[in-house]
C-alpha atoms as a PDB file:
ATOM      1  CA  UNK A   1     -18.025   8.625  17.429  1.00  0.00           C
ATOM      2  CA  UNK A   2     -19.899  11.564  15.470  1.00  0.00           C
ATOM      3  CA  UNK A   3     -21.888  10.623  12.622  1.00  0.00           C
ATOM      4  CA  UNK A   4     -19.621  12.266  10.176  1.00  0.00           C
ATOM      5  CA  UNK A   5     -16.454  10.211  11.540  1.00  0.00           C
ATOM      6  CA  UNK A   6     -18.311   6.822  11.120  1.00  0.00           C
ATOM      7  CA  UNK A   7     -19.244   7.797   7.410  1.00  0.00           C
ATOM      8  CA  UNK A   8     -15.679   8.614   6.736  1.00  0.00           C
ATOM      9  CA  UNK A   9     -14.548   5.848   8.536  1.00  0.00           C
ATOM     10  CA  UNK A  10     -16.610   3.507   6.572  1.00  0.00           C
ATOM     11  CA  UNK A  11     -15.752   4.967   3.433  1.00  0.00           C
ATOM     12  CA  UNK A  12     -11.826   4.820   4.065  1.00  0.00           C
ATOM     13  CA  UNK A  13     -12.553   0.912   5.235  1.00  0.00           C
ATOM     14  CA  UNK A  14     -14.477   0.386   2.294  1.00  0.00           C
ATOM     15  CA  UNK A  15     -11.967   1.800  -0.545  1.00  0.00           C
ATOM     16  CA  UNK A  16      -9.175  -0.548   1.498  1.00  0.00           C
ATOM     17  CA  UNK A  17     -11.285  -3.282   1.144  1.00  0.00           C
ATOM     18  CA  UNK A  18     -12.079  -2.749  -2.563  1.00  0.00           C
ATOM     19  CA  UNK A  19      -8.296  -2.293  -2.922  1.00  0.00           C
ATOM     20  CA  UNK A  20      -7.792  -5.753  -1.445  1.00  0.00           C
ATOM     21  CA  UNK A  21     -10.296  -7.313  -3.547  1.00  0.00           C
ATOM     22  CA  UNK A  22      -8.713  -5.908  -6.360  1.00  0.00           C
ATOM     23  CA  UNK A  23      -5.555  -7.883  -5.191  1.00  0.00           C
ATOM     24  CA  UNK A  24      -7.567 -11.164  -5.865  1.00  0.00           C
ATOM     25  CA  UNK A  25      -8.260 -10.605  -9.448  1.00  0.00           C
ATOM     26  CA  UNK A  26      -5.999 -11.525 -12.216  1.00  0.00           C
ATOM     27  CA  UNK A  27      -3.140  -8.953 -13.032  1.00  0.00           C
ATOM     28  CA  UNK A  28       0.250  -8.663 -14.262  1.00  0.00           C
ATOM     29  CA  UNK A  29       2.880  -9.529 -11.681  1.00  0.00           C
ATOM     30  CA  UNK A  30       3.450  -6.830  -9.107  1.00  0.00           C
ATOM     31  CA  UNK A  31       0.626  -4.571 -10.513  1.00  0.00           C
ATOM     32  CA  UNK A  32      -1.076  -4.459  -7.315  1.00  0.00           C
ATOM     33  CA  UNK A  33      -2.523  -2.433  -5.026  1.00  0.00           C
ATOM     34  CA  UNK A  34      -0.341  -3.292  -1.750  1.00  0.00           C
ATOM     35  CA  UNK A  35       1.586  -0.133  -1.370  1.00  0.00           C
ATOM     36  CA  UNK A  36      -1.099   2.045  -2.352  1.00  0.00           C
ATOM     37  CA  UNK A  37      -3.756   0.467   0.585  1.00  0.00           C
ATOM     38  CA  UNK A  38      -0.852   0.951   2.920  1.00  0.00           C
ATOM     39  CA  UNK A  39      -0.228   4.692   1.881  1.00  0.00           C
ATOM     40  CA  UNK A  40      -3.970   5.402   2.011  1.00  0.00           C
ATOM     41  CA  UNK A  41      -4.028   3.712   5.475  1.00  0.00           C
ATOM     42  CA  UNK A  42      -1.193   5.606   7.220  1.00  0.00           C
ATOM     43  CA  UNK A  43      -2.368   9.079   5.613  1.00  0.00           C
ATOM     44  CA  UNK A  44      -6.161   8.688   6.252  1.00  0.00           C
ATOM     45  CA  UNK A  45      -5.900   6.903   9.858  1.00  0.00           C
ATOM     46  CA  UNK A  46      -4.820   9.169  12.493  1.00  0.00           C
ATOM     47  CA  UNK A  47      -5.227   6.319  15.115  1.00  0.00           C
ATOM     48  CA  UNK A  48      -2.206   4.181  14.164  1.00  0.00           C
ATOM     49  CA  UNK A  49      -4.002   1.103  15.150  1.00  0.00           C
ATOM     50  CA  UNK A  50      -6.309   1.388  12.480  1.00  0.00           C
ATOM     51  CA  UNK A  51      -3.772   2.630   9.933  1.00  0.00           C
ATOM     52  CA  UNK A  52      -1.740  -0.438  10.621  1.00  0.00           C
ATOM     53  CA  UNK A  53      -4.419  -3.169  11.722  1.00  0.00           C
ATOM     54  CA  UNK A  54      -7.139  -2.825   9.071  1.00  0.00           C
ATOM     55  CA  UNK A  55      -5.148  -3.015   6.049  1.00  0.00           C
ATOM     56  CA  UNK A  56      -2.854  -5.845   7.550  1.00  0.00           C
ATOM     57  CA  UNK A  57      -5.505  -7.832   8.604  1.00  0.00           C
ATOM     58  CA  UNK A  58      -7.029  -7.456   5.196  1.00  0.00           C
ATOM     59  CA  UNK A  59      -3.489  -8.406   3.509  1.00  0.00           C
ATOM     60  CA  UNK A  60      -3.741 -11.791   5.980  1.00  0.00           C
ATOM     61  CA  UNK A  61      -7.078 -12.658   4.913  1.00  0.00           C
ATOM     62  CA  UNK A  62      -6.552 -12.019   0.836  1.00  0.00           C
ATOM     63  CA  UNK A  63      -3.220 -14.215   1.418  1.00  0.00           C
ATOM     64  CA  UNK A  64      -5.173 -17.012   3.227  1.00  0.00           C
ATOM     65  CA  UNK A  65      -7.133 -16.974  -0.304  1.00  0.00           C
ATOM     66  CA  UNK A  66      -3.980 -16.672  -2.597  1.00  0.00           C
ATOM     67  CA  UNK A  67      -1.713 -18.572  -0.229  1.00  0.00           C
ATOM     68  CA  UNK A  68       1.064 -17.755   1.885  1.00  0.00           C
ATOM     69  CA  UNK A  69       4.621 -17.819   1.031  1.00  0.00           C
ATOM     70  CA  UNK A  70       7.956 -17.809   2.624  1.00  0.00           C
ATOM     71  CA  UNK A  71       8.661 -14.338   1.880  1.00  0.00           C
ATOM     72  CA  UNK A  72       5.165 -13.127   3.674  1.00  0.00           C
ATOM     73  CA  UNK A  73       6.729 -11.753   6.693  1.00  0.00           C
ATOM     74  CA  UNK A  74       9.163  -9.532   4.591  1.00  0.00           C
ATOM     75  CA  UNK A  75       6.363  -8.548   2.536  1.00  0.00           C
ATOM     76  CA  UNK A  76       3.869  -7.474   5.541  1.00  0.00           C
ATOM     77  CA  UNK A  77       7.242  -5.449   7.002  1.00  0.00           C
ATOM     78  CA  UNK A  78       7.482  -3.456   3.989  1.00  0.00           C
ATOM     79  CA  UNK A  79       3.571  -3.047   3.847  1.00  0.00           C
ATOM     80  CA  UNK A  80       4.032  -1.651   7.394  1.00  0.00           C
ATOM     81  CA  UNK A  81       6.879   0.860   6.341  1.00  0.00           C
ATOM     82  CA  UNK A  82       4.478   2.046   3.653  1.00  0.00           C
ATOM     83  CA  UNK A  83       2.086   2.843   6.087  1.00  0.00           C
ATOM     84  CA  UNK A  84       4.508   5.100   7.763  1.00  0.00           C
ATOM     85  CA  UNK A  85       5.502   6.617   4.378  1.00  0.00           C
ATOM     86  CA  UNK A  86       1.895   7.679   3.859  1.00  0.00           C
ATOM     87  CA  UNK A  87       1.747   8.698   7.723  1.00  0.00           C
ATOM     88  CA  UNK A  88       4.714  11.255   7.201  1.00  0.00           C
ATOM     89  CA  UNK A  89       4.712  12.201   3.722  1.00  0.00           C
ATOM     90  CA  UNK A  90       0.943  12.767   2.930  1.00  0.00           C
ATOM     91  CA  UNK A  91       0.031  15.062   5.918  1.00  0.00           C
ATOM     92  CA  UNK A  92      -1.954  16.779   3.076  1.00  0.00           C
ATOM     93  CA  UNK A  93      -3.348  15.164   0.187  1.00  0.00           C
ATOM     94  CA  UNK A  94      -2.330  16.610  -2.984  1.00  0.00           C
ATOM     95  CA  UNK A  95      -1.061  14.843  -6.376  1.00  0.00           C
ATOM     96  CA  UNK A  96       2.753  15.777  -5.702  1.00  0.00           C
ATOM     97  CA  UNK A  97       2.453  14.236  -2.530  1.00  0.00           C
ATOM     98  CA  UNK A  98       0.665  10.963  -3.477  1.00  0.00           C
ATOM     99  CA  UNK A  99       3.097  10.669  -6.335  1.00  0.00           C
ATOM    100  CA  UNK A 100       6.103  11.264  -4.251  1.00  0.00           C
ATOM    101  CA  UNK A 101       4.931   8.791  -1.526  1.00  0.00           C
ATOM    102  CA  UNK A 102       4.161   6.080  -4.262  1.00  0.00           C
ATOM    103  CA  UNK A 103       7.518   6.173  -5.526  1.00  0.00           C
ATOM    104  CA  UNK A 104       8.903   6.024  -2.245  1.00  0.00           C
ATOM    105  CA  UNK A 105       6.700   3.128  -1.490  1.00  0.00           C
ATOM    106  CA  UNK A 106       7.423   1.194  -4.579  1.00  0.00           C
ATOM    107  CA  UNK A 107      11.102   1.832  -3.606  1.00  0.00           C
ATOM    108  CA  UNK A 108      10.958   0.616  -0.352  1.00  0.00           C
ATOM    109  CA  UNK A 109       9.051  -2.527  -1.269  1.00  0.00           C
ATOM    110  CA  UNK A 110      11.496  -3.575  -4.294  1.00  0.00           C
ATOM    111  CA  UNK A 111      14.481  -2.781  -1.683  1.00  0.00           C
ATOM    112  CA  UNK A 112      13.245  -5.022   1.049  1.00  0.00           C
ATOM    113  CA  UNK A 113      11.442  -7.564  -0.884  1.00  0.00           C
ATOM    114  CA  UNK A 114      14.352  -8.219  -3.049  1.00  0.00           C
ATOM    115  CA  UNK A 115      16.952  -8.345  -0.388  1.00  0.00           C
ATOM    116  CA  UNK A 116      15.026 -11.124   1.239  1.00  0.00           C
ATOM    117  CA  UNK A 117      14.934 -12.900  -2.073  1.00  0.00           C
ATOM    118  CA  UNK A 118      18.739 -12.504  -2.330  1.00  0.00           C
ATOM    119  CA  UNK A 119      19.124 -13.952   0.651  1.00  0.00           C
ATOM    120  CA  UNK A 120      17.048 -17.197   0.053  1.00  0.00           C
ATOM    121  CA  UNK A 121      17.391 -17.883  -3.507  1.00  0.00           C
ATOM    122  CA  UNK A 122      20.771 -16.376  -4.602  1.00  0.00           C
ATOM    123  CA  UNK A 123      24.242 -16.883  -3.829  1.00  0.00           C
ATOM    124  CA  UNK A 124      24.796 -14.325  -0.987  1.00  0.00           C
ATOM    125  CA  UNK A 125      27.845 -12.476  -2.766  1.00  0.00           C
ATOM    126  CA  UNK A 126      27.821  -9.103  -4.257  1.00  0.00           C
ATOM    127  CA  UNK A 127      27.375 -10.799  -7.849  1.00  0.00           C
ATOM    128  CA  UNK A 128      24.394 -12.644  -6.424  1.00  0.00           C
ATOM    129  CA  UNK A 129      22.766  -9.387  -5.135  1.00  0.00           C
ATOM    130  CA  UNK A 130      23.716  -7.505  -8.485  1.00  0.00           C
ATOM    131  CA  UNK A 131      22.077 -10.579 -10.345  1.00  0.00           C
ATOM    132  CA  UNK A 132      18.992 -10.530  -7.957  1.00  0.00           C
ATOM    133  CA  UNK A 133      17.878  -6.968  -8.286  1.00  0.00           C
ATOM    134  CA  UNK A 134      18.638  -6.872 -12.017  1.00  0.00           C
ATOM    135  CA  UNK A 135      16.346  -9.656 -12.388  1.00  0.00           C
ATOM    136  CA  UNK A 136      13.841  -8.217 -10.343  1.00  0.00           C
ATOM    137  CA  UNK A 137      13.769  -4.579 -12.568  1.00  0.00           C
ATOM    138  CA  UNK A 138      10.964  -5.778 -14.905  1.00  0.00           C
ATOM    139  CA  UNK A 139       8.717  -6.507 -11.664  1.00  0.00           C
ATOM    140  CA  UNK A 140       9.907  -2.935 -10.156  1.00  0.00           C
ATOM    141  CA  UNK A 141       8.379  -1.432 -12.897  1.00  0.00           C
ATOM    142  CA  UNK A 142       5.224  -3.219 -12.786  1.00  0.00           C
ATOM    143  CA  UNK A 143       4.995  -2.195  -8.964  1.00  0.00           C
ATOM    144  CA  UNK A 144       5.721   1.788  -9.882  1.00  0.00           C
ATOM    145  CA  UNK A 145       2.529   1.495 -12.483  1.00  0.00           C
ATOM    146  CA  UNK A 146       0.322  -0.357 -10.048  1.00  0.00           C
ATOM    147  CA  UNK A 147       1.471   1.862  -7.266  1.00  0.00           C
ATOM    148  CA  UNK A 148       0.908   5.165  -8.925  1.00  0.00           C
ATOM    149  CA  UNK A 149      -2.564   3.860 -10.731  1.00  0.00           C
ATOM    150  CA  UNK A 150      -3.974   2.378  -7.314  1.00  0.00           C
ATOM    151  CA  UNK A 151      -2.894   5.562  -5.190  1.00  0.00           C
ATOM    152  CA  UNK A 152      -4.166   7.674  -7.911  1.00  0.00           C
ATOM    153  CA  UNK A 153      -7.734   5.677  -7.760  1.00  0.00           C
ATOM    154  CA  UNK A 154      -7.694   5.624  -3.812  1.00  0.00           C
ATOM    155  CA  UNK A 155      -6.730   9.189  -3.000  1.00  0.00           C
ATOM    156  CA  UNK A 156      -8.431  10.789  -6.033  1.00  0.00           C
ATOM    157  CA  UNK A 157     -11.814   8.612  -5.421  1.00  0.00           C
ATOM    158  CA  UNK A 158     -11.715   9.737  -2.099  1.00  0.00           C
ATOM    159  CA  UNK A 159     -10.902  13.192  -2.830  1.00  0.00           C
ATOM    160  CA  UNK A 160     -13.773  13.256  -5.002  1.00  0.00           C
ATOM    161  CA  UNK A 161     -16.279  11.638  -2.645  1.00  0.00           C
ATOM    162  CA  UNK A 162     -15.124  14.506  -0.079  1.00  0.00           C
ATOM    163  CA  UNK A 163     -16.021  17.303  -2.474  1.00  0.00           C
ATOM    164  CA  UNK A 164     -19.558  16.122  -3.102  1.00  0.00           C
ATOM    165  CA  UNK A 165     -20.449  14.114   0.179  1.00  0.00           C
ATOM    166  CA  UNK A 166     -21.016  16.228   3.223  1.00  0.00           C
ATOM    167  CA  UNK A 167     -20.324  13.640   5.673  1.00  0.00           C
ATOM    168  CA  UNK A 168     -16.799  13.096   4.345  1.00  0.00           C
ATOM    169  CA  UNK A 169     -15.627  16.833   4.657  1.00  0.00           C
ATOM    170  CA  UNK A 170     -12.095  16.459   6.156  1.00  0.00           C
ATOM    171  CA  UNK A 171     -12.196  15.642   9.892  1.00  0.00           C
ATOM    172  CA  UNK A 172      -9.611  13.580  11.062  1.00  0.00           C
ATOM    173  CA  UNK A 173     -10.475  10.438  12.756  1.00  0.00           C
ATOM    174  CA  UNK A 174      -9.242   9.631  16.389  1.00  0.00           C
END
């Protein structure tokens, strides 16, 4: 692997690691870097094993500290879908693409995790489904905020670094 690719890879992994560490600090409910990390990984790693493997391994490690829960598998599935969103929607990092992908990731995470929550904790009726999603709306607002802010930090930080660090000039990692 070329030196430029190694520097780029280390920088991307470093940003993902910082995002996961941010998950460990105290924050309002659902204002977390989870979806942003998935989007960033999907957009930055051309090797899909890295795009899925690194952030999911990091999530599992942070869950080992925070604690696993009964919806962890659904959270990981949602996380993987967000990697796909980053892979497909962010062919070229632009403010518009990052915002659209962040919004899509927020919706995917909200729909999947709350559907699972409804199956486990609410009456499995239409009224229960509506009640579940209605109760989750404040958390959705927080997810939107977190996803947009953390996506801005990850993509914006990397774009800033690319501009000023020669070894980070765009080269797709293979």
